[in-house]
N, C-alpha and C. Protein backbone atom coordinates (compact mmCIF):
# COMPACT_ATOMS: atom_id res chain seq x y z
N UNK A 1 -51.50 -99.45 10.85
CA UNK A 1 -52.86 -98.97 10.92
C UNK A 1 -52.92 -97.80 11.91
N UNK A 2 -53.53 -96.68 11.53
CA UNK A 2 -53.58 -95.51 12.41
C UNK A 2 -54.41 -95.78 13.66
N UNK A 3 -54.02 -95.14 14.74
CA UNK A 3 -54.72 -95.24 16.01
C UNK A 3 -55.63 -94.03 16.13
N UNK A 4 -56.90 -94.18 15.78
CA UNK A 4 -57.86 -93.08 15.82
C UNK A 4 -58.48 -92.98 17.20
N UNK A 5 -58.54 -91.76 17.72
CA UNK A 5 -59.14 -91.51 19.03
C UNK A 5 -59.92 -90.22 18.98
N UNK A 6 -60.74 -90.03 20.01
CA UNK A 6 -61.46 -88.78 20.15
C UNK A 6 -60.65 -87.84 21.03
N UNK A 7 -60.59 -86.59 20.63
CA UNK A 7 -59.88 -85.57 21.39
C UNK A 7 -60.53 -85.40 22.76
N UNK A 8 -59.73 -85.33 23.80
CA UNK A 8 -60.25 -85.15 25.16
C UNK A 8 -60.92 -83.80 25.35
N UNK A 9 -60.56 -82.83 24.53
CA UNK A 9 -61.11 -81.48 24.70
C UNK A 9 -62.34 -81.25 23.83
N UNK A 10 -62.20 -81.49 22.53
CA UNK A 10 -63.28 -81.12 21.60
C UNK A 10 -64.10 -82.32 21.12
N UNK A 11 -63.58 -83.53 21.33
CA UNK A 11 -64.30 -84.73 20.92
C UNK A 11 -64.08 -85.14 19.47
N UNK A 12 -63.36 -84.33 18.70
CA UNK A 12 -63.10 -84.62 17.29
C UNK A 12 -62.17 -85.83 17.16
N UNK A 13 -62.39 -86.65 16.13
CA UNK A 13 -61.52 -87.80 15.87
C UNK A 13 -60.19 -87.30 15.30
N UNK A 14 -59.09 -87.95 15.73
CA UNK A 14 -57.77 -87.59 15.22
C UNK A 14 -56.85 -88.79 15.29
N UNK A 15 -55.75 -88.74 14.58
CA UNK A 15 -54.75 -89.80 14.58
C UNK A 15 -53.86 -89.62 15.81
N UNK A 16 -53.99 -90.51 16.78
CA UNK A 16 -53.27 -90.42 18.04
C UNK A 16 -51.79 -90.73 17.84
N UNK A 17 -50.93 -89.81 18.33
CA UNK A 17 -49.48 -90.03 18.25
C UNK A 17 -48.82 -89.74 19.59
N UNK A 18 -49.52 -90.05 20.68
CA UNK A 18 -48.94 -89.88 22.01
C UNK A 18 -49.50 -88.71 22.79
N UNK A 19 -50.21 -87.80 22.16
CA UNK A 19 -50.81 -86.65 22.83
C UNK A 19 -52.32 -86.85 22.79
N UNK A 20 -53.00 -86.79 23.96
CA UNK A 20 -54.44 -87.12 24.00
C UNK A 20 -55.38 -86.07 23.44
N UNK A 21 -54.84 -85.02 22.80
CA UNK A 21 -55.71 -84.02 22.19
C UNK A 21 -55.32 -83.83 20.72
N UNK A 22 -56.28 -83.38 19.93
CA UNK A 22 -56.07 -83.23 18.49
C UNK A 22 -55.11 -82.07 18.19
N UNK A 23 -54.53 -82.05 17.01
CA UNK A 23 -53.60 -80.99 16.64
C UNK A 23 -54.19 -79.58 16.76
N UNK A 24 -55.48 -79.42 16.47
CA UNK A 24 -56.12 -78.11 16.57
C UNK A 24 -56.13 -77.63 18.02
N UNK A 25 -56.46 -78.54 18.95
CA UNK A 25 -56.47 -78.18 20.37
C UNK A 25 -55.06 -77.96 20.90
N UNK A 26 -54.08 -78.71 20.38
CA UNK A 26 -52.68 -78.49 20.77
C UNK A 26 -52.27 -77.08 20.38
N UNK A 27 -52.61 -76.65 19.15
CA UNK A 27 -52.29 -75.30 18.68
C UNK A 27 -52.94 -74.24 19.55
N UNK A 28 -54.21 -74.45 19.86
CA UNK A 28 -54.94 -73.51 20.70
C UNK A 28 -54.32 -73.42 22.10
N UNK A 29 -53.95 -74.58 22.65
CA UNK A 29 -53.33 -74.63 23.98
C UNK A 29 -51.99 -73.91 23.96
N UNK A 30 -51.22 -74.11 22.90
CA UNK A 30 -49.91 -73.46 22.78
C UNK A 30 -50.08 -71.94 22.66
N UNK A 31 -51.10 -71.50 21.93
CA UNK A 31 -51.36 -70.06 21.78
C UNK A 31 -51.75 -69.46 23.14
N UNK A 32 -52.56 -70.19 23.91
CA UNK A 32 -52.93 -69.72 25.25
C UNK A 32 -51.71 -69.62 26.15
N UNK A 33 -50.83 -70.62 26.08
CA UNK A 33 -49.62 -70.60 26.89
C UNK A 33 -48.75 -69.39 26.55
N UNK A 34 -48.61 -69.10 25.27
CA UNK A 34 -47.81 -67.95 24.85
C UNK A 34 -48.41 -66.65 25.37
N UNK A 35 -49.74 -66.55 25.36
CA UNK A 35 -50.42 -65.35 25.88
C UNK A 35 -50.15 -65.19 27.36
N UNK A 36 -50.24 -66.31 28.11
CA UNK A 36 -49.98 -66.26 29.56
C UNK A 36 -48.54 -65.85 29.81
N UNK A 37 -47.63 -66.45 29.08
CA UNK A 37 -46.20 -66.17 29.26
C UNK A 37 -45.91 -64.68 28.97
N UNK A 38 -46.47 -64.15 27.87
CA UNK A 38 -46.27 -62.74 27.52
C UNK A 38 -46.87 -61.82 28.57
N UNK A 39 -48.07 -62.16 29.05
CA UNK A 39 -48.72 -61.34 30.07
C UNK A 39 -47.87 -61.30 31.34
N UNK A 40 -47.35 -62.44 31.74
CA UNK A 40 -46.53 -62.49 32.95
C UNK A 40 -45.21 -61.74 32.76
N UNK A 41 -44.68 -61.76 31.55
CA UNK A 41 -43.45 -61.03 31.25
C UNK A 41 -43.70 -59.52 31.39
N UNK A 42 -44.86 -59.08 30.91
CA UNK A 42 -45.20 -57.66 30.96
C UNK A 42 -45.74 -57.23 32.32
N UNK A 43 -46.27 -58.19 33.10
CA UNK A 43 -46.86 -57.90 34.40
C UNK A 43 -46.31 -58.84 35.46
N UNK A 44 -45.04 -58.71 35.79
CA UNK A 44 -44.44 -59.63 36.76
C UNK A 44 -45.19 -59.54 38.10
N UNK A 45 -45.38 -60.68 38.71
CA UNK A 45 -46.05 -60.72 40.00
C UNK A 45 -47.57 -60.77 39.91
N UNK A 46 -48.10 -60.86 38.68
CA UNK A 46 -49.56 -60.94 38.52
C UNK A 46 -50.06 -62.24 39.16
N UNK A 47 -51.22 -62.18 39.78
CA UNK A 47 -51.79 -63.37 40.42
C UNK A 47 -52.43 -64.27 39.37
N UNK A 48 -52.65 -65.51 39.76
CA UNK A 48 -53.26 -66.46 38.84
C UNK A 48 -54.67 -66.01 38.48
N UNK A 49 -55.41 -65.50 39.45
CA UNK A 49 -56.78 -65.07 39.17
C UNK A 49 -56.79 -63.85 38.24
N UNK A 50 -55.80 -62.96 38.38
CA UNK A 50 -55.70 -61.81 37.49
C UNK A 50 -55.42 -62.27 36.06
N UNK A 51 -54.45 -63.15 35.90
CA UNK A 51 -54.11 -63.67 34.57
C UNK A 51 -55.32 -64.35 33.95
N UNK A 52 -55.99 -65.17 34.74
CA UNK A 52 -57.17 -65.88 34.25
C UNK A 52 -58.26 -64.92 33.82
N UNK A 53 -58.50 -63.90 34.62
CA UNK A 53 -59.56 -62.94 34.33
C UNK A 53 -59.25 -62.09 33.10
N UNK A 54 -58.05 -61.55 33.05
CA UNK A 54 -57.67 -60.66 31.95
C UNK A 54 -57.60 -61.41 30.63
N UNK A 55 -57.01 -62.60 30.63
CA UNK A 55 -56.81 -63.35 29.39
C UNK A 55 -57.96 -64.31 29.06
N UNK A 56 -58.89 -64.45 30.00
CA UNK A 56 -60.01 -65.39 29.85
C UNK A 56 -59.52 -66.80 29.57
N UNK A 57 -58.55 -67.21 30.40
CA UNK A 57 -58.00 -68.57 30.36
C UNK A 57 -58.26 -69.18 31.73
N UNK A 58 -58.75 -70.40 31.75
CA UNK A 58 -59.15 -71.01 33.02
C UNK A 58 -57.98 -71.19 33.98
N UNK A 59 -58.28 -71.11 35.26
CA UNK A 59 -57.28 -71.34 36.30
C UNK A 59 -56.75 -72.76 36.20
N UNK A 60 -57.61 -73.71 35.82
CA UNK A 60 -57.19 -75.10 35.66
C UNK A 60 -56.10 -75.23 34.60
N UNK A 61 -56.26 -74.49 33.50
CA UNK A 61 -55.27 -74.54 32.42
C UNK A 61 -53.95 -73.93 32.89
N UNK A 62 -54.01 -72.81 33.60
CA UNK A 62 -52.79 -72.18 34.11
C UNK A 62 -52.12 -73.10 35.13
N UNK A 63 -52.91 -73.75 35.97
CA UNK A 63 -52.37 -74.71 36.94
C UNK A 63 -51.68 -75.86 36.21
N UNK A 64 -52.25 -76.31 35.10
CA UNK A 64 -51.63 -77.38 34.31
C UNK A 64 -50.27 -76.93 33.77
N UNK A 65 -50.17 -75.67 33.33
CA UNK A 65 -48.88 -75.16 32.87
C UNK A 65 -47.85 -75.19 34.01
N UNK A 66 -48.30 -74.87 35.22
CA UNK A 66 -47.41 -74.94 36.39
C UNK A 66 -47.00 -76.37 36.67
N UNK A 67 -47.97 -77.30 36.66
CA UNK A 67 -47.69 -78.72 36.93
C UNK A 67 -46.76 -79.32 35.87
N UNK A 68 -46.92 -78.87 34.63
CA UNK A 68 -46.07 -79.36 33.54
C UNK A 68 -44.67 -78.78 33.61
N UNK A 69 -44.46 -77.81 34.50
CA UNK A 69 -43.15 -77.19 34.63
C UNK A 69 -42.89 -76.11 33.59
N UNK A 70 -43.93 -75.67 32.92
CA UNK A 70 -43.78 -74.64 31.89
C UNK A 70 -43.80 -73.24 32.48
N UNK A 71 -44.42 -73.10 33.65
CA UNK A 71 -44.46 -71.83 34.39
C UNK A 71 -43.99 -72.11 35.80
N UNK A 72 -43.58 -71.04 36.49
CA UNK A 72 -43.12 -71.19 37.87
C UNK A 72 -43.66 -70.05 38.71
N UNK A 73 -44.06 -70.36 39.93
CA UNK A 73 -44.51 -69.34 40.86
C UNK A 73 -43.26 -68.68 41.43
N UNK A 74 -43.18 -67.35 41.32
CA UNK A 74 -42.01 -66.63 41.83
C UNK A 74 -42.44 -65.63 42.89
N UNK A 75 -41.45 -65.23 43.71
CA UNK A 75 -41.73 -64.25 44.75
C UNK A 75 -42.69 -64.80 45.77
N UNK A 76 -43.18 -63.95 46.60
CA UNK A 76 -44.19 -64.31 47.60
C UNK A 76 -44.06 -65.67 48.24
N UNK A 77 -44.18 -65.70 49.53
CA UNK A 77 -44.17 -66.98 50.23
C UNK A 77 -45.61 -67.42 50.47
N UNK A 78 -45.77 -68.58 51.04
CA UNK A 78 -47.11 -69.07 51.34
C UNK A 78 -47.85 -69.56 50.11
N UNK A 79 -47.16 -70.23 49.22
CA UNK A 79 -47.78 -70.79 48.03
C UNK A 79 -48.93 -71.71 48.44
N UNK A 80 -50.12 -71.39 48.01
CA UNK A 80 -51.30 -72.20 48.36
C UNK A 80 -51.83 -72.95 47.14
N UNK A 81 -51.06 -72.94 46.05
CA UNK A 81 -51.56 -73.50 44.80
C UNK A 81 -51.01 -74.89 44.53
N UNK A 82 -49.69 -75.02 44.51
CA UNK A 82 -49.06 -76.29 44.15
C UNK A 82 -48.44 -76.95 45.36
N UNK A 83 -48.67 -78.25 45.44
CA UNK A 83 -48.08 -79.04 46.52
C UNK A 83 -47.48 -80.31 45.93
N UNK A 84 -46.37 -80.74 46.52
CA UNK A 84 -45.71 -81.97 46.09
C UNK A 84 -46.71 -83.12 46.18
N UNK A 85 -46.79 -83.91 45.13
CA UNK A 85 -47.73 -85.03 45.10
C UNK A 85 -47.30 -86.17 46.01
N UNK A 86 -46.07 -86.12 46.51
CA UNK A 86 -45.58 -87.18 47.39
C UNK A 86 -45.69 -86.79 48.86
N UNK A 87 -45.12 -85.62 49.22
CA UNK A 87 -45.06 -85.24 50.64
C UNK A 87 -45.99 -84.10 51.02
N UNK A 88 -46.53 -83.37 50.04
CA UNK A 88 -47.46 -82.28 50.32
C UNK A 88 -46.82 -80.92 50.53
N UNK A 89 -45.50 -80.83 50.45
CA UNK A 89 -44.78 -79.57 50.63
C UNK A 89 -45.14 -78.60 49.50
N UNK A 90 -45.23 -77.29 49.79
CA UNK A 90 -45.50 -76.29 48.76
C UNK A 90 -44.34 -76.24 47.76
N UNK A 91 -44.68 -76.18 46.48
CA UNK A 91 -43.66 -76.11 45.42
C UNK A 91 -44.03 -74.99 44.45
N UNK A 92 -43.06 -74.57 43.65
CA UNK A 92 -43.28 -73.47 42.70
C UNK A 92 -43.61 -73.94 41.29
N UNK A 93 -43.28 -75.19 40.99
CA UNK A 93 -43.49 -75.70 39.64
C UNK A 93 -43.38 -77.22 39.66
N UNK A 94 -44.01 -77.86 38.71
CA UNK A 94 -43.89 -79.31 38.57
C UNK A 94 -44.84 -80.08 39.47
N UNK A 95 -44.46 -81.34 39.75
CA UNK A 95 -45.33 -82.22 40.53
C UNK A 95 -44.72 -82.64 41.86
N UNK A 96 -43.38 -82.57 41.96
CA UNK A 96 -42.70 -83.03 43.17
C UNK A 96 -41.70 -81.99 43.65
N UNK A 97 -41.46 -81.96 44.97
CA UNK A 97 -40.43 -81.09 45.52
C UNK A 97 -39.07 -81.68 45.15
N UNK A 98 -38.02 -80.89 45.37
CA UNK A 98 -36.67 -81.35 45.01
C UNK A 98 -36.29 -82.63 45.74
N UNK A 99 -36.61 -82.72 47.03
CA UNK A 99 -36.23 -83.90 47.80
C UNK A 99 -36.94 -85.16 47.28
N UNK A 100 -38.24 -85.07 47.05
CA UNK A 100 -38.98 -86.23 46.56
C UNK A 100 -38.56 -86.57 45.12
N UNK A 101 -38.27 -85.56 44.33
CA UNK A 101 -37.80 -85.78 42.96
C UNK A 101 -36.48 -86.55 42.97
N UNK A 102 -35.57 -86.13 43.87
CA UNK A 102 -34.29 -86.84 44.00
C UNK A 102 -34.50 -88.28 44.46
N UNK A 103 -35.41 -88.48 45.43
CA UNK A 103 -35.70 -89.84 45.91
C UNK A 103 -36.24 -90.71 44.78
N UNK A 104 -37.14 -90.14 43.97
CA UNK A 104 -37.69 -90.89 42.84
C UNK A 104 -36.60 -91.24 41.84
N UNK A 105 -35.73 -90.28 41.56
CA UNK A 105 -34.63 -90.54 40.61
C UNK A 105 -33.73 -91.66 41.11
N UNK A 106 -33.39 -91.62 42.40
CA UNK A 106 -32.55 -92.66 42.98
C UNK A 106 -33.24 -94.02 42.88
N UNK A 107 -34.55 -94.04 43.15
CA UNK A 107 -35.31 -95.29 43.05
C UNK A 107 -35.33 -95.84 41.64
N UNK A 108 -35.53 -94.94 40.66
CA UNK A 108 -35.53 -95.37 39.27
C UNK A 108 -34.17 -95.90 38.85
N UNK A 109 -33.11 -95.19 39.28
CA UNK A 109 -31.75 -95.62 38.93
C UNK A 109 -31.45 -96.98 39.55
N UNK A 110 -31.85 -97.17 40.80
CA UNK A 110 -31.62 -98.45 41.47
C UNK A 110 -32.35 -99.59 40.75
N UNK A 111 -33.59 -99.34 40.38
CA UNK A 111 -34.37 -100.35 39.66
C UNK A 111 -33.74 -100.65 38.30
N UNK A 112 -33.30 -99.60 37.59
CA UNK A 112 -32.67 -99.80 36.28
C UNK A 112 -31.38 -100.60 36.43
N UNK A 113 -30.60 -100.31 37.48
CA UNK A 113 -29.36 -101.05 37.72
C UNK A 113 -29.65 -102.52 38.00
N UNK A 114 -30.69 -102.78 38.81
CA UNK A 114 -31.06 -104.17 39.12
C UNK A 114 -31.51 -104.90 37.87
N UNK A 115 -32.31 -104.24 37.04
CA UNK A 115 -32.78 -104.86 35.80
C UNK A 115 -31.62 -105.14 34.86
N UNK A 116 -30.69 -104.20 34.78
CA UNK A 116 -29.52 -104.37 33.93
C UNK A 116 -28.67 -105.54 34.42
N UNK A 117 -28.48 -105.61 35.73
CA UNK A 117 -27.69 -106.70 36.31
C UNK A 117 -28.38 -108.04 36.05
N UNK A 118 -29.69 -108.07 36.22
CA UNK A 118 -30.46 -109.29 35.98
C UNK A 118 -30.37 -109.71 34.51
N UNK A 119 -30.45 -108.74 33.60
CA UNK A 119 -30.35 -109.03 32.17
C UNK A 119 -28.97 -109.57 31.83
N UNK A 120 -27.93 -108.98 32.43
CA UNK A 120 -26.56 -109.45 32.18
C UNK A 120 -26.37 -110.87 32.69
N UNK A 121 -26.92 -111.19 33.86
CA UNK A 121 -26.81 -112.54 34.42
C UNK A 121 -27.52 -113.55 33.53
N UNK A 122 -28.70 -113.20 33.03
CA UNK A 122 -29.43 -114.15 32.18
C UNK A 122 -28.72 -114.31 30.84
N UNK A 123 -28.07 -113.23 30.35
CA UNK A 123 -27.30 -113.35 29.10
C UNK A 123 -26.12 -114.28 29.28
N UNK A 124 -25.43 -114.21 30.44
CA UNK A 124 -24.31 -115.10 30.71
C UNK A 124 -24.77 -116.55 30.72
N UNK A 125 -25.93 -116.81 31.35
CA UNK A 125 -26.45 -118.18 31.39
C UNK A 125 -26.82 -118.65 30.00
N UNK A 126 -27.41 -117.77 29.21
CA UNK A 126 -27.79 -118.13 27.84
C UNK A 126 -26.55 -118.44 27.02
N UNK A 127 -25.49 -117.64 27.20
CA UNK A 127 -24.25 -117.89 26.46
C UNK A 127 -23.68 -119.25 26.83
N UNK A 128 -23.71 -119.59 28.13
CA UNK A 128 -23.15 -120.88 28.56
C UNK A 128 -23.92 -122.05 27.97
N UNK A 129 -25.23 -121.95 27.93
CA UNK A 129 -26.02 -123.07 27.43
C UNK A 129 -26.01 -123.12 25.91
N UNK A 130 -25.70 -122.00 25.26
CA UNK A 130 -25.72 -121.96 23.80
C UNK A 130 -24.36 -122.29 23.19
N UNK A 131 -23.33 -122.47 24.00
CA UNK A 131 -22.01 -122.79 23.45
C UNK A 131 -22.03 -124.16 22.79
N UNK A 132 -21.26 -124.28 21.73
CA UNK A 132 -21.16 -125.59 21.07
C UNK A 132 -20.14 -126.44 21.83
N UNK A 133 -20.42 -127.69 21.92
CA UNK A 133 -19.51 -128.63 22.59
C UNK A 133 -18.98 -129.59 21.53
N UNK A 134 -17.69 -129.87 21.56
CA UNK A 134 -17.09 -130.78 20.59
C UNK A 134 -16.53 -131.98 21.35
N UNK A 135 -16.70 -133.10 20.73
CA UNK A 135 -16.11 -134.33 21.28
C UNK A 135 -14.70 -134.46 20.74
N UNK A 136 -13.82 -134.99 21.54
CA UNK A 136 -12.46 -135.20 21.12
C UNK A 136 -12.44 -136.48 20.30
N UNK A 137 -12.19 -136.36 19.02
CA UNK A 137 -12.22 -137.54 18.13
C UNK A 137 -11.03 -138.46 18.34
N UNK A 138 -9.97 -137.92 18.86
CA UNK A 138 -8.75 -138.72 19.06
C UNK A 138 -8.82 -139.58 20.32
N UNK A 139 -9.79 -139.32 21.12
CA UNK A 139 -9.86 -140.05 22.38
C UNK A 139 -10.25 -141.51 22.13
N UNK A 140 -9.54 -142.45 22.75
CA UNK A 140 -9.83 -143.87 22.57
C UNK A 140 -10.87 -144.30 23.57
N UNK A 141 -11.68 -145.23 23.12
CA UNK A 141 -12.72 -145.71 24.01
C UNK A 141 -12.37 -146.98 24.63
């Protein structure tokens, strides 16, 4: 049965397949991203407000492209736009700085290893209890 939802942007009903916006809004968003990317290619070092003003694309949308890791802030120091969601350090792209990203990865790997070890231990116990036992018929009573 299809999972029908309302698009977060336009409100139109659509068949949800993991993306919270309808295919029409996805296309529009992708077209905006391509325009931003082309503008930045032709105008390296353009500010976010310049890009937003010239292309009539909201700063929030451009910030989302940065957070999604699709764009990166280059040059210039003193980034006042993006900050690591964990430690608050200025970053050029994404949601976390390299150090916090590495810490998260290590944490995830540790948890996955523990879960795998736990699953293997429970499988061993299940195998032991599921083994068939045979009585020795030749044994005298």
